[in-house]
N, C-alpha and C. Protein backbone atom coordinates (compact mmCIF):
# COMPACT_ATOMS: atom_id res chain seq x y z
N MET A 1 0.67 -1.19 0.03
CA MET A 1 -0.10 -0.03 0.28
C MET A 1 0.89 1.49 -0.14
N LYS A 2 0.50 2.45 -1.03
CA LYS A 2 1.38 3.36 -0.97
C LYS A 2 1.43 4.34 -0.02
N LEU A 3 0.48 4.12 1.07
CA LEU A 3 0.64 4.93 2.25
C LEU A 3 1.61 4.63 3.40
N TYR A 4 1.78 3.06 3.19
CA TYR A 4 2.75 2.59 4.07
C TYR A 4 3.93 2.62 3.78
N GLN A 5 4.33 2.59 2.47
CA GLN A 5 5.57 2.89 1.74
C GLN A 5 5.85 4.23 1.85
N GLU A 6 5.04 5.21 2.01
CA GLU A 6 5.64 6.48 2.52
C GLU A 6 6.07 6.84 3.90
N ALA A 7 4.94 6.07 4.77
CA ALA A 7 5.44 6.25 5.94
C ALA A 7 6.47 5.60 6.53
N MET A 8 6.58 4.38 6.01
CA MET A 8 8.26 3.34 6.17
C MET A 8 9.42 4.14 5.77
N ALA A 9 9.13 4.92 4.38
CA ALA A 9 10.60 5.45 4.31
C ALA A 9 10.61 6.67 5.27
N MET A 10 9.44 7.32 5.39
CA MET A 10 9.92 8.46 6.72
C MET A 10 10.43 7.58 7.97
N ALA A 11 9.82 6.59 7.99
CA ALA A 11 10.51 5.90 9.61
C ALA A 11 11.91 5.42 9.27
N GLU A 12 12.45 5.16 8.00
CA GLU A 12 13.53 4.62 7.66
C GLU A 12 14.62 5.91 7.68
N GLU A 13 13.96 6.83 7.34
CA GLU A 13 14.81 8.31 7.12
C GLU A 13 15.15 8.71 8.67
N ALA A 14 14.09 8.19 9.39
CA ALA A 14 13.93 9.13 10.87
C ALA A 14 15.25 8.17 11.70
N ALA A 15 15.35 6.76 11.38
CA ALA A 15 16.11 6.08 11.97
C ALA A 15 17.70 6.20 11.92
N PHE A 16 17.88 7.09 10.87
CA PHE A 16 19.14 7.67 10.41
C PHE A 16 19.62 8.60 11.55
N ASN A 17 18.90 9.02 12.19
CA ASN A 17 19.10 10.12 13.79
C ASN A 17 19.84 9.44 14.68
N SER A 18 19.37 8.16 14.80
CA SER A 18 19.84 7.18 15.93
C SER A 18 21.30 7.19 16.11
N ARG A 19 21.57 7.23 17.25
CA ARG A 19 23.15 7.26 17.94
C ARG A 19 23.37 5.81 18.46
N CYS A 20 22.34 4.94 18.45
CA CYS A 20 22.48 3.71 19.09
C CYS A 20 23.49 2.82 18.28
N ASN A 21 24.37 2.18 18.81
CA ASN A 21 25.30 1.49 18.13
C ASN A 21 24.86 -0.27 18.03
N SER A 22 23.90 -0.39 18.53
CA SER A 22 23.05 -1.81 18.34
C SER A 22 22.39 -1.84 17.43
N ARG A 23 21.35 -0.97 17.37
CA ARG A 23 20.36 -1.10 15.96
C ARG A 23 19.91 0.30 16.05
N LYS A 24 19.51 0.64 14.47
CA LYS A 24 18.89 2.15 14.39
C LYS A 24 17.60 1.53 13.79
N ILE A 25 16.88 2.17 14.77
CA ILE A 25 15.21 2.25 14.51
C ILE A 25 14.48 3.39 14.26
N GLY A 26 13.52 3.72 13.41
CA GLY A 26 12.71 4.63 13.06
C GLY A 26 11.18 4.22 13.24
N CYS A 27 10.35 5.24 13.86
CA CYS A 27 8.84 5.02 13.54
C CYS A 27 8.19 6.35 13.59
N VAL A 28 6.97 6.21 12.52
CA VAL A 28 6.21 7.10 12.49
C VAL A 28 4.82 6.57 12.61
N VAL A 29 3.96 7.64 13.37
CA VAL A 29 2.60 7.59 13.82
C VAL A 29 1.68 8.05 12.63
N LEU A 30 0.65 8.01 12.45
CA LEU A 30 -0.19 8.38 11.37
C LEU A 30 -1.66 8.42 11.98
N ASN A 31 -2.62 9.21 12.08
CA ASN A 31 -4.06 9.00 12.29
C ASN A 31 -4.73 8.06 11.50
N GLU A 32 -6.05 7.77 11.76
CA GLU A 32 -6.89 7.11 10.90
C GLU A 32 -7.08 6.97 9.40
N ARG A 33 -6.76 8.22 8.91
CA ARG A 33 -6.86 9.01 7.58
C ARG A 33 -5.62 9.10 6.96
N GLY A 34 -4.55 8.63 7.59
CA GLY A 34 -3.26 8.31 7.04
C GLY A 34 -2.27 9.48 7.14
N TYR A 35 -3.00 10.59 7.56
CA TYR A 35 -1.87 11.53 7.72
C TYR A 35 -0.72 11.42 9.24
N TRP A 36 0.32 11.95 8.80
CA TRP A 36 1.43 11.92 9.68
C TRP A 36 1.11 12.79 10.93
N LEU A 37 1.44 11.97 12.11
CA LEU A 37 1.14 12.71 13.31
C LEU A 37 2.41 12.78 14.17
N GLY A 38 3.44 12.18 14.10
CA GLY A 38 4.66 12.23 14.92
C GLY A 38 5.60 10.89 14.33
N THR A 39 7.00 11.10 14.96
CA THR A 39 8.21 10.73 14.44
C THR A 39 8.69 10.11 15.71
N GLY A 40 9.57 9.36 15.58
CA GLY A 40 10.50 8.91 16.93
C GLY A 40 11.52 8.00 16.29
N PHE A 41 12.70 7.94 16.78
CA PHE A 41 13.73 7.20 16.62
C PHE A 41 14.67 6.61 18.13
N ASN A 42 14.94 5.52 18.07
CA ASN A 42 15.76 5.27 19.27
C ASN A 42 17.19 6.17 19.19
N ASP A 43 17.53 6.54 20.59
CA ASP A 43 18.51 7.49 20.73
C ASP A 43 19.17 6.94 22.03
N THR A 44 20.23 7.63 22.29
CA THR A 44 20.89 7.37 23.52
C THR A 44 21.78 8.63 24.08
N VAL A 45 22.01 8.52 25.36
CA VAL A 45 22.51 9.63 26.19
C VAL A 45 24.05 9.36 26.67
N ASP A 46 24.08 7.77 26.68
CA ASP A 46 25.10 7.15 27.54
C ASP A 46 26.23 7.73 26.75
N PRO A 47 27.34 7.98 27.51
CA PRO A 47 28.64 8.35 26.66
C PRO A 47 29.76 7.04 26.14
N VAL A 48 29.31 6.26 26.70
CA VAL A 48 29.91 4.89 26.26
C VAL A 48 29.22 4.72 24.75
N CYS A 49 27.69 4.58 24.72
CA CYS A 49 27.31 4.47 23.44
C CYS A 49 27.95 5.61 22.50
N LEU A 50 27.70 6.68 22.91
CA LEU A 50 28.22 8.08 22.01
C LEU A 50 29.69 7.74 21.45
N TYR A 51 30.41 7.27 21.97
CA TYR A 51 31.70 6.89 21.46
C TYR A 51 32.04 5.54 20.66
N GLY A 52 31.11 5.10 20.06
CA GLY A 52 31.08 4.20 19.44
C GLY A 52 30.68 2.60 19.87
N LYS A 53 30.81 2.70 21.10
CA LYS A 53 30.43 0.95 21.97
C LYS A 53 29.10 1.13 22.48
N CYS A 54 28.51 -0.02 22.43
CA CYS A 54 27.34 -0.23 22.94
C CYS A 54 27.64 -0.74 24.55
N HIS A 55 26.87 0.19 25.26
CA HIS A 55 27.53 -0.11 26.91
C HIS A 55 26.55 -1.32 27.39
N LYS A 56 25.55 -2.03 26.61
CA LYS A 56 24.77 -2.87 27.32
C LYS A 56 25.67 -4.30 26.50
N ARG A 57 26.17 -4.28 25.28
CA ARG A 57 27.10 -5.42 24.94
C ARG A 57 28.05 -5.40 25.51
N SER A 58 28.83 -4.60 25.82
CA SER A 58 30.07 -4.36 26.52
C SER A 58 30.08 -5.23 28.08
N LEU A 59 28.56 -5.51 28.50
CA LEU A 59 28.60 -5.89 29.56
C LEU A 59 28.11 -7.43 29.61
N GLY A 60 28.01 -7.83 28.38
CA GLY A 60 27.95 -9.37 28.00
C GLY A 60 26.19 -9.46 27.99
N ILE A 61 25.36 -8.35 27.91
CA ILE A 61 23.88 -8.66 27.72
C ILE A 61 23.61 -8.22 25.87
N GLU A 62 22.99 -9.63 25.69
CA GLU A 62 22.32 -10.03 24.65
C GLU A 62 21.26 -9.02 24.14
N HIS A 63 21.08 -8.93 22.72
CA HIS A 63 20.20 -8.08 22.29
C HIS A 63 19.01 -8.89 22.51
N GLY A 64 17.75 -7.80 22.78
CA GLY A 64 16.29 -8.33 23.25
C GLY A 64 16.36 -8.32 24.63
N ASP A 65 17.21 -7.96 25.64
CA ASP A 65 17.55 -7.39 27.04
C ASP A 65 17.72 -6.07 27.21
N GLY A 66 16.36 -5.50 27.70
CA GLY A 66 16.74 -4.07 27.86
C GLY A 66 17.50 -3.79 29.17
N THR A 67 17.86 -4.64 30.05
CA THR A 67 18.53 -4.55 31.54
C THR A 67 19.75 -3.21 30.58
N PHE A 68 20.07 -2.47 31.50
CA PHE A 68 21.27 -1.74 31.38
C PHE A 68 21.22 -0.71 29.91
N CYS A 69 20.39 -0.78 28.79
CA CYS A 69 20.36 0.12 28.01
C CYS A 69 19.45 1.05 28.32
N THR A 70 20.45 2.75 27.99
CA THR A 70 19.96 3.79 28.34
C THR A 70 19.32 4.42 26.78
N ALA A 71 18.92 3.72 25.96
CA ALA A 71 18.54 4.56 24.80
C ALA A 71 17.03 4.59 24.61
N THR A 72 16.64 5.57 24.53
CA THR A 72 15.29 5.54 24.50
C THR A 72 14.40 5.25 23.27
N HIS A 73 13.38 4.50 23.12
CA HIS A 73 12.95 3.81 22.26
C HIS A 73 12.43 4.59 20.75
N ALA A 74 12.03 4.46 19.76
CA ALA A 74 11.45 4.91 18.60
C ALA A 74 10.11 5.12 18.75
N GLU A 75 9.39 3.77 19.32
CA GLU A 75 7.91 3.67 19.41
C GLU A 75 7.25 4.62 20.21
N ALA A 76 7.88 4.57 21.41
CA ALA A 76 7.66 5.68 22.53
C ALA A 76 7.61 6.77 22.12
N MET A 77 8.66 7.34 21.56
CA MET A 77 9.06 8.80 21.25
C MET A 77 7.99 9.13 20.17
N ALA A 78 7.86 8.08 19.24
CA ALA A 78 6.78 8.76 18.44
C ALA A 78 5.19 8.79 18.95
N ALA A 79 5.01 7.87 19.89
CA ALA A 79 3.80 8.10 20.61
C ALA A 79 3.71 8.96 21.47
N VAL A 80 4.59 9.72 21.96
CA VAL A 80 4.37 10.64 22.63
C VAL A 80 4.34 12.13 21.68
N ASP A 81 5.25 12.20 20.91
CA ASP A 81 4.92 13.14 20.15
C ASP A 81 3.87 13.43 19.19
N ALA A 82 3.03 12.12 18.96
CA ALA A 82 1.92 12.12 18.09
C ALA A 82 0.79 12.45 19.25
N SER A 83 0.86 12.21 20.37
CA SER A 83 -0.03 12.55 21.41
C SER A 83 -0.09 13.67 21.88
N LEU A 84 1.07 14.55 22.19
CA LEU A 84 1.15 15.81 22.23
C LEU A 84 0.72 16.92 21.30
N ARG A 85 0.77 16.24 19.96
CA ARG A 85 0.37 17.15 18.91
C ARG A 85 -1.02 17.09 18.94
N HIS A 86 -1.90 15.84 19.23
CA HIS A 86 -2.90 15.83 18.94
C HIS A 86 -3.63 16.89 20.33
N GLN A 87 -3.05 16.64 21.38
CA GLN A 87 -3.65 17.31 22.86
C GLN A 87 -3.54 18.88 22.83
N GLN A 88 -2.68 19.02 21.80
CA GLN A 88 -2.33 20.72 21.47
C GLN A 88 -3.40 21.18 20.77
N TRP A 89 -3.80 20.38 19.84
CA TRP A 89 -4.86 20.87 18.85
C TRP A 89 -5.88 20.02 18.65
N PRO A 90 -6.85 19.46 19.61
CA PRO A 90 -7.67 18.42 19.61
C PRO A 90 -8.82 18.67 18.69
N GLU A 91 -9.17 19.86 18.07
CA GLU A 91 -10.08 20.05 17.22
C GLU A 91 -9.61 20.20 15.75
N LYS A 92 -8.21 19.99 15.42
CA LYS A 92 -7.71 20.17 14.10
C LYS A 92 -7.03 18.77 13.61
N VAL A 93 -6.30 18.31 14.74
CA VAL A 93 -5.58 17.32 14.77
C VAL A 93 -6.17 16.06 15.17
N ASP A 94 -6.65 14.79 14.36
CA ASP A 94 -7.31 13.89 14.43
C ASP A 94 -6.38 13.05 15.70
N PRO A 95 -6.90 11.93 16.53
CA PRO A 95 -6.04 10.97 17.27
C PRO A 95 -5.16 10.21 16.79
N PRO A 96 -4.14 9.57 17.28
CA PRO A 96 -3.36 8.53 16.52
C PRO A 96 -4.18 7.28 16.41
N HIS A 97 -3.77 6.57 15.34
CA HIS A 97 -4.20 5.29 15.08
C HIS A 97 -3.21 4.15 14.42
N THR A 98 -2.21 4.74 13.71
CA THR A 98 -1.27 3.34 13.49
C THR A 98 0.15 3.79 13.55
N ALA A 99 0.98 3.06 13.82
CA ALA A 99 2.32 3.15 14.31
C ALA A 99 3.01 2.35 13.02
N VAL A 100 4.01 2.74 12.25
CA VAL A 100 4.60 2.42 11.13
C VAL A 100 6.28 2.36 11.66
N MET A 101 6.61 1.22 11.79
CA MET A 101 8.04 0.96 12.54
C MET A 101 9.12 0.30 11.81
N THR A 102 10.29 0.32 11.42
CA THR A 102 11.25 -0.26 10.81
C THR A 102 12.17 -1.55 11.38
N CYS A 103 11.25 -2.29 12.26
CA CYS A 103 11.70 -3.44 12.95
C CYS A 103 10.74 -4.30 13.38
N GLY A 104 10.71 -5.37 14.38
CA GLY A 104 9.74 -6.38 14.39
C GLY A 104 8.47 -5.79 15.75
N TYR A 105 7.97 -6.61 16.31
CA TYR A 105 7.07 -6.20 17.35
C TYR A 105 7.66 -5.42 18.46
N PRO A 106 6.99 -4.38 18.94
CA PRO A 106 7.63 -3.56 19.99
C PRO A 106 7.67 -3.90 21.16
N CYS A 107 8.82 -3.65 22.00
CA CYS A 107 8.85 -4.42 23.33
C CYS A 107 7.63 -3.85 24.41
N THR A 108 7.64 -4.76 25.43
CA THR A 108 6.58 -4.36 26.17
C THR A 108 6.38 -2.92 26.34
N PRO A 109 7.30 -2.17 26.98
CA PRO A 109 6.93 -0.86 27.56
C PRO A 109 6.36 -0.06 26.38
N CYS A 110 7.03 -0.16 25.20
CA CYS A 110 6.59 0.62 23.64
C CYS A 110 5.12 0.15 23.48
N LEU A 111 4.63 -0.95 23.60
CA LEU A 111 3.32 -1.24 23.25
C LEU A 111 2.41 -0.77 24.25
N ALA A 112 2.91 -0.66 25.47
CA ALA A 112 1.87 0.14 26.33
C ALA A 112 1.89 1.55 25.99
N ALA A 113 3.11 2.24 25.42
CA ALA A 113 3.30 3.86 25.17
C ALA A 113 1.96 3.61 24.04
N LEU A 114 2.33 2.79 23.27
CA LEU A 114 1.14 2.89 22.00
C LEU A 114 -0.31 2.90 22.21
N LYS A 115 -0.61 1.79 23.26
CA LYS A 115 -1.84 1.76 23.55
C LYS A 115 -2.18 2.90 24.13
N LYS A 116 -1.60 3.42 25.04
CA LYS A 116 -1.88 4.84 25.70
C LYS A 116 -2.31 5.83 24.67
N ALA A 117 -1.27 5.95 23.97
CA ALA A 117 -1.95 6.67 22.84
C ALA A 117 -2.74 6.47 21.74
N GLY A 118 -3.66 5.61 22.12
CA GLY A 118 -4.50 5.07 21.11
C GLY A 118 -4.39 4.38 19.79
N ILE A 119 -3.02 3.83 19.68
CA ILE A 119 -2.89 2.96 18.43
C ILE A 119 -3.57 1.76 18.26
N LYS A 120 -4.25 1.65 17.17
CA LYS A 120 -5.07 0.39 16.80
C LYS A 120 -4.53 -0.40 15.90
N ARG A 121 -3.39 0.16 15.37
CA ARG A 121 -2.72 -0.83 14.20
C ARG A 121 -1.10 -0.66 14.13
N ILE A 122 -0.41 -1.56 14.28
CA ILE A 122 1.32 -1.35 14.10
C ILE A 122 1.59 -1.98 12.52
N VAL A 123 2.41 -1.55 11.99
CA VAL A 123 3.05 -2.23 10.63
C VAL A 123 4.26 -2.04 11.07
N ILE A 124 4.86 -3.52 11.24
CA ILE A 124 6.04 -3.93 11.32
C ILE A 124 6.96 -4.31 10.04
N LYS A 125 8.04 -4.35 10.28
CA LYS A 125 9.01 -4.64 8.65
C LYS A 125 9.47 -6.11 9.21
N GLU A 126 9.53 -6.78 10.44
CA GLU A 126 10.27 -8.12 10.59
C GLU A 126 9.13 -8.88 11.37
N ASP A 127 9.01 -9.93 11.09
CA ASP A 127 8.03 -10.95 11.87
C ASP A 127 8.43 -11.47 12.93
N VAL A 128 9.26 -10.89 13.97
CA VAL A 128 10.08 -11.21 14.90
C VAL A 128 9.82 -10.62 16.13
N PHE A 129 9.94 -11.60 17.36
CA PHE A 129 9.95 -11.01 18.87
C PHE A 129 11.30 -10.62 19.07
N TYR A 130 11.61 -10.13 19.94
CA TYR A 130 13.02 -9.80 20.49
C TYR A 130 13.03 -10.41 21.93
N ASN A 131 12.13 -11.03 22.60
CA ASN A 131 12.34 -11.68 23.74
C ASN A 131 10.93 -12.46 23.76
N SER A 132 11.21 -13.66 24.74
CA SER A 132 10.08 -14.83 25.30
C SER A 132 9.02 -13.66 25.97
N ASN A 133 9.32 -12.54 26.66
CA ASN A 133 8.40 -11.94 27.71
C ASN A 133 7.43 -10.93 26.54
N ASP A 134 8.26 -10.34 25.59
CA ASP A 134 7.50 -9.44 24.86
C ASP A 134 6.47 -10.31 23.96
N GLU A 135 6.88 -11.59 23.63
CA GLU A 135 5.83 -12.33 22.92
C GLU A 135 4.76 -12.66 23.80
N MET A 136 5.03 -12.95 25.27
CA MET A 136 3.78 -13.46 25.92
C MET A 136 2.97 -12.16 26.22
N MET A 137 3.35 -11.31 26.16
CA MET A 137 2.72 -9.93 26.58
C MET A 137 1.79 -9.53 25.50
N TRP A 138 2.47 -9.86 24.32
CA TRP A 138 1.83 -9.41 23.21
C TRP A 138 0.25 -10.25 22.82
N LYS A 139 0.51 -11.46 23.26
CA LYS A 139 -0.48 -12.51 23.08
C LYS A 139 -1.40 -12.39 24.05
N GLU A 140 -0.98 -12.16 25.37
CA GLU A 140 -1.97 -11.85 26.42
C GLU A 140 -2.69 -11.03 26.63
N LEU A 141 -2.21 -9.74 25.89
CA LEU A 141 -2.47 -8.35 26.58
C LEU A 141 -2.98 -7.58 25.00
N TYR A 142 -2.24 -7.46 24.21
CA TYR A 142 -2.41 -6.49 23.31
C TYR A 142 -2.60 -6.96 21.76
N SER A 143 -2.45 -8.13 21.29
CA SER A 143 -3.38 -8.83 20.24
C SER A 143 -4.61 -8.91 19.97
N LYS A 144 -5.42 -8.47 21.22
CA LYS A 144 -6.62 -8.60 21.03
C LYS A 144 -7.32 -7.10 20.62
N GLU A 145 -6.43 -6.15 20.85
CA GLU A 145 -6.81 -4.66 20.79
C GLU A 145 -6.03 -4.08 19.51
N MET A 146 -4.71 -4.76 19.14
CA MET A 146 -3.98 -4.30 17.84
C MET A 146 -3.92 -4.87 16.84
N GLU A 147 -4.60 -4.63 15.75
CA GLU A 147 -4.25 -5.14 14.22
C GLU A 147 -2.34 -4.92 14.23
N VAL A 148 -2.18 -5.94 13.43
CA VAL A 148 -0.61 -6.13 13.08
C VAL A 148 -0.31 -6.50 11.47
N ILE A 149 0.12 -5.43 10.92
CA ILE A 149 0.43 -5.63 9.37
C ILE A 149 2.12 -5.96 9.03
N LEU A 150 2.26 -7.01 8.24
CA LEU A 150 3.63 -7.21 8.41
C LEU A 150 3.98 -6.59 6.71
N TYR A 151 4.73 -5.56 6.96
CA TYR A 151 5.29 -4.65 5.65
C TYR A 151 5.59 -5.42 4.61
N GLY A 152 5.38 -5.31 3.26
CA GLY A 152 5.91 -5.77 2.24
C GLY A 152 5.52 -7.30 2.04
N ALA A 153 4.63 -8.01 2.63
CA ALA A 153 4.51 -9.44 2.78
C ALA A 153 3.34 -9.37 1.49
N THR A 154 3.08 -10.25 0.67
CA THR A 154 2.54 -10.88 -0.64
C THR A 154 0.87 -11.18 0.18
N GLN A 155 -0.05 -11.21 -0.71
CA GLN A 155 -1.26 -11.52 -0.18
C GLN A 155 -1.09 -13.08 0.09
N LYS A 156 -0.17 -13.85 -0.69
CA LYS A 156 0.14 -15.29 -0.28
C LYS A 156 0.62 -15.85 1.21
N GLU A 157 1.60 -14.98 1.38
CA GLU A 157 2.37 -14.66 2.78
C GLU A 157 1.25 -14.55 3.78
N LYS A 158 0.62 -13.53 3.68
CA LYS A 158 -0.26 -13.15 4.69
C LYS A 158 -1.27 -14.26 5.03
N ALA A 159 -1.94 -14.57 3.91
CA ALA A 159 -2.54 -15.93 4.25
C ALA A 159 -1.91 -16.86 4.59
N GLU A 160 -0.69 -17.45 4.41
CA GLU A 160 -0.12 -18.51 4.91
C GLU A 160 0.43 -18.08 6.54
N ARG A 161 0.55 -16.68 6.59
CA ARG A 161 0.85 -16.29 7.88
C ARG A 161 -0.49 -16.85 8.93
N HIS A 162 -1.29 -15.93 8.20
CA HIS A 162 -2.97 -16.22 8.88
C HIS A 162 -3.18 -17.74 9.43
N ASP A 163 -2.84 -18.86 8.47
CA ASP A 163 -3.06 -20.31 8.65
C ASP A 163 -2.51 -20.61 9.72
N GLU A 164 -1.21 -20.13 9.64
CA GLU A 164 0.03 -20.97 10.84
C GLU A 164 -0.27 -20.38 12.36
N THR A 165 -0.88 -19.02 11.99
CA THR A 165 -1.23 -18.70 13.60
C THR A 165 -2.51 -19.26 14.10
N GLU A 166 -3.48 -19.75 13.05
CA GLU A 166 -4.71 -20.53 13.40
C GLU A 166 -4.35 -21.75 13.79
N GLU A 167 -3.17 -22.77 13.08
CA GLU A 167 -2.98 -23.90 13.44
C GLU A 167 -2.39 -23.63 14.97
N LYS A 168 -1.59 -22.83 15.35
CA LYS A 168 -0.99 -22.64 16.65
C LYS A 168 -1.82 -22.70 17.43
N ALA A 169 -3.10 -21.75 17.62
CA ALA A 169 -3.79 -21.57 18.35
C ALA A 169 -4.78 -22.90 18.66
N LYS A 170 -4.86 -23.62 17.61
CA LYS A 170 -5.66 -25.17 18.07
C LYS A 170 -4.87 -25.98 19.34
N PRO A 171 -5.96 -26.56 20.37
CA PRO A 171 -5.38 -27.19 21.41
C PRO A 171 -4.64 -28.65 20.75
N HIS A 172 -3.58 -28.87 21.49
CA HIS A 172 -2.96 -30.15 21.18
C HIS A 172 -3.69 -31.22 21.39
N PRO A 173 -3.80 -32.24 20.79
CA PRO A 173 -4.50 -33.55 21.27
C PRO A 173 -3.96 -34.43 22.02
N VAL A 174 -4.88 -34.70 23.03
CA VAL A 174 -4.20 -35.37 24.33
C VAL A 174 -3.71 -36.71 24.05
N GLN A 175 -2.53 -37.21 24.35
CA GLN A 175 -1.85 -38.42 24.16
C GLN A 175 -1.68 -39.38 25.77
N GLU A 176 -2.33 -40.42 25.35
CA GLU A 176 -2.02 -41.31 26.79
C GLU A 176 -0.59 -41.73 27.05
N GLY A 177 0.21 -42.19 25.85
CA GLY A 177 1.11 -42.73 26.01
C GLY A 177 1.10 -44.47 25.98
N ALA A 178 2.26 -44.68 26.40
CA ALA A 178 2.23 -46.25 26.35
C ALA A 178 3.71 -46.77 27.45
N ILE A 179 3.58 -48.17 27.78
CA ILE A 179 4.47 -48.47 28.40
C ILE A 179 5.03 -49.54 27.71
N LYS A 180 6.46 -49.77 27.68
CA LYS A 180 7.29 -50.66 26.60
C LYS A 180 8.46 -50.79 27.22
N GLY A 181 8.53 -52.24 27.83
CA GLY A 181 10.12 -52.44 28.26
C GLY A 181 10.18 -51.75 29.47
N GLY A 182 9.02 -51.84 30.40
CA GLY A 182 8.88 -51.10 31.83
C GLY A 182 9.40 -49.47 31.84
N THR A 183 9.16 -49.09 30.52
CA THR A 183 9.61 -47.49 30.45
C THR A 183 8.34 -46.91 29.77
N PHE A 184 7.90 -45.58 30.50
CA PHE A 184 6.80 -45.24 30.07
C PHE A 184 7.09 -44.02 28.87
N TYR A 185 6.38 -43.81 27.90
CA TYR A 185 6.64 -43.04 27.07
C TYR A 185 5.76 -42.09 26.91
N PRO A 186 5.32 -41.03 27.28
CA PRO A 186 3.94 -40.14 27.56
C PRO A 186 3.87 -39.61 26.20
N HIS A 187 4.74 -39.31 25.13
CA HIS A 187 4.18 -38.93 23.72
C HIS A 187 4.19 -39.92 22.55
N CYS A 188 3.87 -41.39 23.32
CA CYS A 188 3.87 -42.48 22.02
C CYS A 188 2.39 -42.39 21.32
N THR A 189 2.43 -42.19 20.22
CA THR A 189 1.40 -42.32 19.58
C THR A 189 0.96 -43.67 18.79
N CYS A 190 1.83 -45.00 19.11
CA CYS A 190 1.68 -46.04 18.48
C CYS A 190 1.26 -47.04 19.52
N GLY A 191 1.00 -46.53 20.74
CA GLY A 191 0.32 -47.34 21.59
C GLY A 191 1.31 -48.66 22.30
N GLY A 192 2.62 -48.27 21.74
CA GLY A 192 3.88 -49.16 22.21
C GLY A 192 4.14 -50.12 21.29
N THR A 193 3.49 -50.45 20.17
CA THR A 193 3.33 -51.41 19.27
C THR A 193 4.66 -51.56 18.25
N GLU A 194 5.34 -50.08 18.45
CA GLU A 194 6.54 -50.13 17.17
C GLU A 194 7.86 -50.17 18.03
N ALA A 195 9.11 -50.45 17.47
CA ALA A 195 10.24 -50.26 17.94
C ALA A 195 10.45 -48.85 17.66
N HIS A 196 10.58 -47.77 18.71
CA HIS A 196 10.49 -46.56 18.62
C HIS A 196 11.46 -45.93 19.68
N SER A 197 11.57 -44.68 19.80
CA SER A 197 12.24 -43.58 20.67
C SER A 197 11.31 -42.72 21.26
N CYS A 198 10.18 -42.92 21.85
CA CYS A 198 8.98 -41.92 21.88
C CYS A 198 9.58 -41.41 23.57
N ILE A 199 10.98 -41.05 23.75
CA ILE A 199 11.13 -40.11 24.86
C ILE A 199 11.05 -39.03 25.04
N ASP A 200 10.13 -38.68 26.02
CA ASP A 200 10.05 -37.37 26.08
C ASP A 200 11.31 -36.22 26.33
């Protein structure tokens, strides 16, 4: 969609302003009609980061763990920017509706900021979560209230992704298991009649 192409281009341009040495991320917030409301990018004030070294990585902390990270996040900055603009001119500026970002799913604090700003839809460039906690929070709290669009995905890929999500949502059948040779195999599917290794 041309609208998202333009918004993603703006988000990618915003990302160039980032001084983070780990990842450069940009985000643009639109209203429901597709008009620009706010822009954000991840940035840092940490002297270690400003001189070409990631503070968090220097402590041996992997990507996806926000511990000891001093960077502000693009999504939160864009949400604040858009919210302030709407609050300043509520009669002229429509409320925030869509966030377009150059990364995968936002972290939990950023999702909270986007929800607080009134975001109903997020457009992401990567179909990934950066840690298991963010994935759990998305599924438990935010997936019911926010629509997600994978930027650049074809209609076939979107359909396959939808089918995969539906399949994951199906409950797994209960398997009674089997006892063979004095050993219990809880995930046995043949009832112990085959020579196999159904070890949990």
